[in-house]
Amino acid sequence: MSQARTIRPPAHIVKRLNGFLRAQRDYVRETGHETGSREIAKSTGCSRLDIERLMILNESVSSVDALAAADSETAVVDMLSAESKQNPRNHAQTSEMRARIE
């Protein structure tokens, strides 16, 4: 598991997640196909819900300042701001005004 995280989870959580990831790798090596939380739960004796919660921690986080694509010069944040043409404050005022008029 990567050590470069925005918020570092406690050591016992990392240890447990690493156990799940190890079980997942072992399953893939033995069967030759990807596994889900059900198979990991069977091999580790933990609940699917616990596994799914911890696997979320293994997802990568990316920056809004990153480029939208490898061959692009546009950052993700620029694309987000371009999608919303209206200022959020103006949108709230307009919505409130519509509700009052109705």
N, C-alpha and C. Protein backbone atom coordinates (compact mmCIF):
# COMPACT_ATOMS: atom_id res chain seq x y z
N MET A 1 0.85 -1.18 0.00
CA MET A 1 0.00 0.00 0.00
C MET A 1 0.89 1.24 0.00
N SER A 2 0.49 2.24 -0.72
CA SER A 2 1.27 3.46 -0.87
C SER A 2 1.34 4.24 0.44
N GLN A 3 2.49 4.83 0.71
CA GLN A 3 2.66 5.65 1.90
C GLN A 3 2.34 7.11 1.64
N ALA A 4 2.20 7.50 0.38
CA ALA A 4 1.90 8.89 0.02
C ALA A 4 0.39 9.09 0.03
N ARG A 5 -0.13 9.44 1.16
CA ARG A 5 -1.57 9.60 1.33
C ARG A 5 -1.87 10.98 1.89
N THR A 6 -3.08 11.45 1.61
CA THR A 6 -3.51 12.72 2.17
C THR A 6 -3.66 12.57 3.68
N ILE A 7 -4.37 11.53 4.09
CA ILE A 7 -4.54 11.21 5.50
C ILE A 7 -4.07 9.79 5.69
N ARG A 8 -3.11 9.57 6.56
CA ARG A 8 -2.57 8.24 6.77
C ARG A 8 -3.41 7.50 7.80
N PRO A 9 -3.93 6.33 7.44
CA PRO A 9 -4.74 5.56 8.39
C PRO A 9 -3.86 4.97 9.49
N PRO A 10 -4.46 4.60 10.62
CA PRO A 10 -3.69 3.99 11.71
C PRO A 10 -3.02 2.69 11.27
N ALA A 11 -1.96 2.32 11.95
CA ALA A 11 -1.16 1.15 11.57
C ALA A 11 -1.97 -0.13 11.58
N HIS A 12 -2.88 -0.30 12.54
CA HIS A 12 -3.65 -1.55 12.59
C HIS A 12 -4.62 -1.66 11.40
N ILE A 13 -5.09 -0.53 10.89
CA ILE A 13 -5.96 -0.53 9.71
C ILE A 13 -5.14 -0.89 8.47
N VAL A 14 -3.95 -0.32 8.36
CA VAL A 14 -3.07 -0.61 7.23
C VAL A 14 -2.71 -2.09 7.23
N LYS A 15 -2.42 -2.64 8.41
CA LYS A 15 -2.06 -4.05 8.52
C LYS A 15 -3.22 -4.94 8.07
N ARG A 16 -4.42 -4.59 8.47
CA ARG A 16 -5.61 -5.36 8.09
C ARG A 16 -5.86 -5.26 6.58
N LEU A 17 -5.73 -4.05 6.04
CA LEU A 17 -5.90 -3.85 4.59
C LEU A 17 -4.87 -4.64 3.81
N ASN A 18 -3.64 -4.64 4.28
CA ASN A 18 -2.59 -5.41 3.60
C ASN A 18 -2.92 -6.90 3.61
N GLY A 19 -3.53 -7.39 4.69
CA GLY A 19 -3.95 -8.79 4.74
C GLY A 19 -5.01 -9.08 3.70
N PHE A 20 -5.96 -8.17 3.53
CA PHE A 20 -7.00 -8.35 2.51
C PHE A 20 -6.40 -8.32 1.11
N LEU A 21 -5.48 -7.40 0.89
CA LEU A 21 -4.84 -7.30 -0.42
C LEU A 21 -4.01 -8.56 -0.72
N ARG A 22 -3.35 -9.10 0.30
CA ARG A 22 -2.59 -10.33 0.14
C ARG A 22 -3.52 -11.49 -0.22
N ALA A 23 -4.66 -11.57 0.48
CA ALA A 23 -5.64 -12.62 0.18
C ALA A 23 -6.16 -12.47 -1.24
N GLN A 24 -6.36 -11.24 -1.68
CA GLN A 24 -6.83 -10.99 -3.04
C GLN A 24 -5.79 -11.45 -4.06
N ARG A 25 -4.53 -11.11 -3.84
CA ARG A 25 -3.46 -11.54 -4.76
C ARG A 25 -3.35 -13.06 -4.80
N ASP A 26 -3.43 -13.71 -3.63
CA ASP A 26 -3.35 -15.16 -3.57
C ASP A 26 -4.49 -15.80 -4.35
N TYR A 27 -5.69 -15.24 -4.20
CA TYR A 27 -6.85 -15.79 -4.91
C TYR A 27 -6.67 -15.67 -6.41
N VAL A 28 -6.19 -14.53 -6.86
CA VAL A 28 -5.98 -14.31 -8.30
C VAL A 28 -4.91 -15.27 -8.81
N ARG A 29 -3.86 -15.47 -8.04
CA ARG A 29 -2.79 -16.38 -8.45
C ARG A 29 -3.29 -17.82 -8.54
N GLU A 30 -4.13 -18.23 -7.59
CA GLU A 30 -4.63 -19.61 -7.58
C GLU A 30 -5.68 -19.86 -8.65
N THR A 31 -6.61 -18.92 -8.83
CA THR A 31 -7.73 -19.17 -9.74
C THR A 31 -7.53 -18.59 -11.13
N GLY A 32 -6.71 -17.56 -11.24
CA GLY A 32 -6.47 -16.95 -12.53
C GLY A 32 -7.47 -15.89 -12.93
N HIS A 33 -8.41 -15.55 -12.04
CA HIS A 33 -9.35 -14.47 -12.35
C HIS A 33 -9.52 -13.56 -11.15
N GLU A 34 -10.02 -12.35 -11.43
CA GLU A 34 -10.18 -11.34 -10.38
C GLU A 34 -11.16 -11.80 -9.32
N THR A 35 -11.03 -11.23 -8.15
CA THR A 35 -11.87 -11.60 -7.02
C THR A 35 -12.66 -10.41 -6.52
N GLY A 36 -13.72 -10.69 -5.82
CA GLY A 36 -14.53 -9.66 -5.20
C GLY A 36 -14.46 -9.78 -3.70
N SER A 37 -15.24 -8.98 -3.02
CA SER A 37 -15.21 -8.98 -1.56
C SER A 37 -15.75 -10.29 -0.98
N ARG A 38 -16.63 -10.98 -1.71
CA ARG A 38 -17.19 -12.24 -1.22
C ARG A 38 -16.09 -13.30 -1.06
N GLU A 39 -15.22 -13.44 -2.07
CA GLU A 39 -14.15 -14.43 -2.01
C GLU A 39 -13.13 -14.08 -0.94
N ILE A 40 -12.82 -12.79 -0.80
CA ILE A 40 -11.88 -12.36 0.23
C ILE A 40 -12.47 -12.63 1.61
N ALA A 41 -13.77 -12.38 1.76
CA ALA A 41 -14.43 -12.63 3.05
C ALA A 41 -14.36 -14.12 3.42
N LYS A 42 -14.56 -14.99 2.43
CA LYS A 42 -14.48 -16.42 2.71
C LYS A 42 -13.09 -16.83 3.15
N SER A 43 -12.07 -16.29 2.49
CA SER A 43 -10.70 -16.71 2.81
C SER A 43 -10.16 -16.08 4.08
N THR A 44 -10.68 -14.91 4.47
CA THR A 44 -10.16 -14.24 5.67
C THR A 44 -11.06 -14.40 6.88
N GLY A 45 -12.32 -14.76 6.67
CA GLY A 45 -13.24 -14.91 7.79
C GLY A 45 -13.82 -13.58 8.27
N CYS A 46 -13.66 -12.53 7.50
CA CYS A 46 -14.21 -11.22 7.84
C CYS A 46 -15.49 -10.99 7.06
N SER A 47 -16.25 -9.97 7.46
CA SER A 47 -17.49 -9.67 6.75
C SER A 47 -17.19 -8.91 5.46
N ARG A 48 -18.09 -9.05 4.49
CA ARG A 48 -17.94 -8.32 3.22
C ARG A 48 -17.95 -6.82 3.45
N LEU A 49 -18.78 -6.36 4.38
CA LEU A 49 -18.89 -4.93 4.65
C LEU A 49 -17.56 -4.37 5.14
N ASP A 50 -16.90 -5.10 6.07
CA ASP A 50 -15.59 -4.65 6.55
C ASP A 50 -14.57 -4.58 5.42
N ILE A 51 -14.59 -5.58 4.57
CA ILE A 51 -13.63 -5.61 3.46
C ILE A 51 -13.90 -4.47 2.49
N GLU A 52 -15.15 -4.24 2.16
CA GLU A 52 -15.48 -3.16 1.22
C GLU A 52 -15.12 -1.80 1.80
N ARG A 53 -15.33 -1.61 3.09
CA ARG A 53 -14.96 -0.33 3.73
C ARG A 53 -13.46 -0.10 3.67
N LEU A 54 -12.70 -1.15 3.97
CA LEU A 54 -11.24 -0.99 3.98
C LEU A 54 -10.66 -0.88 2.57
N MET A 55 -11.28 -1.54 1.61
CA MET A 55 -10.77 -1.47 0.25
C MET A 55 -10.91 -0.07 -0.33
N ILE A 56 -11.85 0.70 0.19
CA ILE A 56 -11.99 2.09 -0.24
C ILE A 56 -10.71 2.86 0.05
N LEU A 57 -10.02 2.50 1.14
CA LEU A 57 -8.78 3.18 1.50
C LEU A 57 -7.68 2.91 0.49
N ASN A 58 -7.81 1.85 -0.28
CA ASN A 58 -6.78 1.50 -1.24
C ASN A 58 -6.94 2.23 -2.57
N GLU A 59 -8.04 2.95 -2.75
CA GLU A 59 -8.26 3.69 -3.98
C GLU A 59 -7.33 4.89 -4.05
N SER A 60 -6.91 5.22 -5.25
CA SER A 60 -5.98 6.33 -5.40
C SER A 60 -6.72 7.66 -5.39
N VAL A 61 -6.03 8.67 -4.92
CA VAL A 61 -6.56 10.03 -4.86
C VAL A 61 -5.80 10.86 -5.88
N SER A 62 -6.50 11.66 -6.64
CA SER A 62 -5.82 12.52 -7.60
C SER A 62 -6.16 13.97 -7.32
N SER A 63 -5.34 14.82 -7.82
CA SER A 63 -5.48 16.25 -7.59
C SER A 63 -6.35 16.89 -8.66
N VAL A 64 -7.10 17.92 -8.28
CA VAL A 64 -7.87 18.66 -9.27
C VAL A 64 -6.96 19.54 -10.12
N ASP A 65 -5.73 19.71 -9.69
CA ASP A 65 -4.77 20.48 -10.47
C ASP A 65 -4.07 19.62 -11.52
N ALA A 66 -4.30 18.32 -11.49
CA ALA A 66 -3.69 17.41 -12.47
C ALA A 66 -4.30 17.65 -13.85
N LEU A 67 -3.56 17.25 -14.86
CA LEU A 67 -4.06 17.38 -16.23
C LEU A 67 -5.20 16.40 -16.45
N ALA A 68 -6.17 16.81 -17.22
CA ALA A 68 -7.35 15.98 -17.47
C ALA A 68 -6.98 14.72 -18.25
N ALA A 69 -6.03 14.81 -19.15
CA ALA A 69 -5.56 13.66 -19.92
C ALA A 69 -4.07 13.84 -20.16
N ALA A 70 -3.41 12.76 -20.51
CA ALA A 70 -1.97 12.82 -20.72
C ALA A 70 -1.58 13.78 -21.84
N ASP A 71 -2.42 13.87 -22.87
CA ASP A 71 -2.10 14.73 -24.01
C ASP A 71 -2.82 16.08 -23.95
N SER A 72 -3.37 16.41 -22.79
CA SER A 72 -4.15 17.63 -22.63
C SER A 72 -3.34 18.68 -21.86
N GLU A 73 -3.68 19.92 -22.09
CA GLU A 73 -3.07 21.00 -21.32
C GLU A 73 -4.07 21.60 -20.34
N THR A 74 -5.26 21.01 -20.25
CA THR A 74 -6.32 21.51 -19.40
C THR A 74 -6.36 20.74 -18.09
N ALA A 75 -6.39 21.47 -16.98
CA ALA A 75 -6.48 20.85 -15.67
C ALA A 75 -7.93 20.46 -15.38
N VAL A 76 -8.11 19.50 -14.49
CA VAL A 76 -9.45 19.05 -14.12
C VAL A 76 -10.26 20.20 -13.54
N VAL A 77 -9.62 21.03 -12.73
CA VAL A 77 -10.34 22.14 -12.10
C VAL A 77 -10.87 23.12 -13.14
N ASP A 78 -10.13 23.29 -14.23
CA ASP A 78 -10.61 24.18 -15.30
C ASP A 78 -11.83 23.61 -15.99
N MET A 79 -11.87 22.31 -16.13
CA MET A 79 -13.03 21.67 -16.75
C MET A 79 -14.24 21.76 -15.83
N LEU A 80 -14.04 21.63 -14.53
CA LEU A 80 -15.15 21.72 -13.59
C LEU A 80 -15.74 23.12 -13.57
N SER A 81 -14.88 24.12 -13.57
CA SER A 81 -15.40 25.48 -13.52
C SER A 81 -16.07 25.86 -14.85
N ALA A 82 -15.62 25.26 -15.94
CA ALA A 82 -16.23 25.55 -17.23
C ALA A 82 -17.63 24.94 -17.33
N GLU A 83 -17.86 23.83 -16.63
CA GLU A 83 -19.16 23.18 -16.69
C GLU A 83 -20.24 24.01 -16.01
N SER A 84 -19.88 24.65 -14.90
CA SER A 84 -20.89 25.45 -14.21
C SER A 84 -20.73 26.90 -14.65
N LYS A 85 -21.57 27.32 -15.51
CA LYS A 85 -21.47 28.67 -16.07
C LYS A 85 -21.99 29.72 -15.11
N GLN A 86 -22.81 29.30 -14.15
CA GLN A 86 -23.41 30.25 -13.23
C GLN A 86 -22.71 30.18 -11.87
N ASN A 87 -22.50 31.31 -11.29
CA ASN A 87 -21.91 31.41 -9.96
C ASN A 87 -22.85 30.71 -8.97
N PRO A 88 -22.33 29.89 -8.06
CA PRO A 88 -23.20 29.19 -7.10
C PRO A 88 -24.08 30.13 -6.28
N ARG A 89 -23.56 31.28 -5.91
CA ARG A 89 -24.35 32.24 -5.14
C ARG A 89 -25.54 32.73 -5.96
N ASN A 90 -25.27 33.06 -7.23
CA ASN A 90 -26.35 33.51 -8.12
C ASN A 90 -27.37 32.41 -8.34
N HIS A 91 -26.90 31.18 -8.47
CA HIS A 91 -27.80 30.06 -8.66
C HIS A 91 -28.71 29.89 -7.45
N ALA A 92 -28.16 30.02 -6.25
CA ALA A 92 -28.95 29.90 -5.02
C ALA A 92 -29.99 31.02 -4.94
N GLN A 93 -29.57 32.22 -5.28
CA GLN A 93 -30.51 33.34 -5.24
C GLN A 93 -31.63 33.16 -6.26
N THR A 94 -31.27 32.69 -7.44
CA THR A 94 -32.28 32.47 -8.48
C THR A 94 -33.25 31.39 -8.06
N SER A 95 -32.74 30.31 -7.49
CA SER A 95 -33.61 29.22 -7.03
C SER A 95 -34.55 29.69 -5.93
N GLU A 96 -34.01 30.47 -5.00
CA GLU A 96 -34.85 30.98 -3.91
C GLU A 96 -35.91 31.93 -4.45
N MET A 97 -35.54 32.78 -5.40
CA MET A 97 -36.49 33.71 -5.98
C MET A 97 -37.61 32.95 -6.71
N ARG A 98 -37.25 31.92 -7.46
CA ARG A 98 -38.26 31.12 -8.15
C ARG A 98 -39.23 30.49 -7.15
N ALA A 99 -38.69 29.96 -6.07
CA ALA A 99 -39.54 29.31 -5.07
C ALA A 99 -40.49 30.30 -4.43
N ARG A 100 -40.04 31.52 -4.16
CA ARG A 100 -40.91 32.52 -3.58
C ARG A 100 -42.00 32.99 -4.54
N ILE A 101 -41.62 33.12 -5.80
CA ILE A 101 -42.59 33.56 -6.80
C ILE A 101 -43.68 32.50 -6.98
N GLU A 102 -43.28 31.24 -7.01
CA GLU A 102 -44.25 30.16 -7.17
C GLU A 102 -45.17 30.10 -5.97
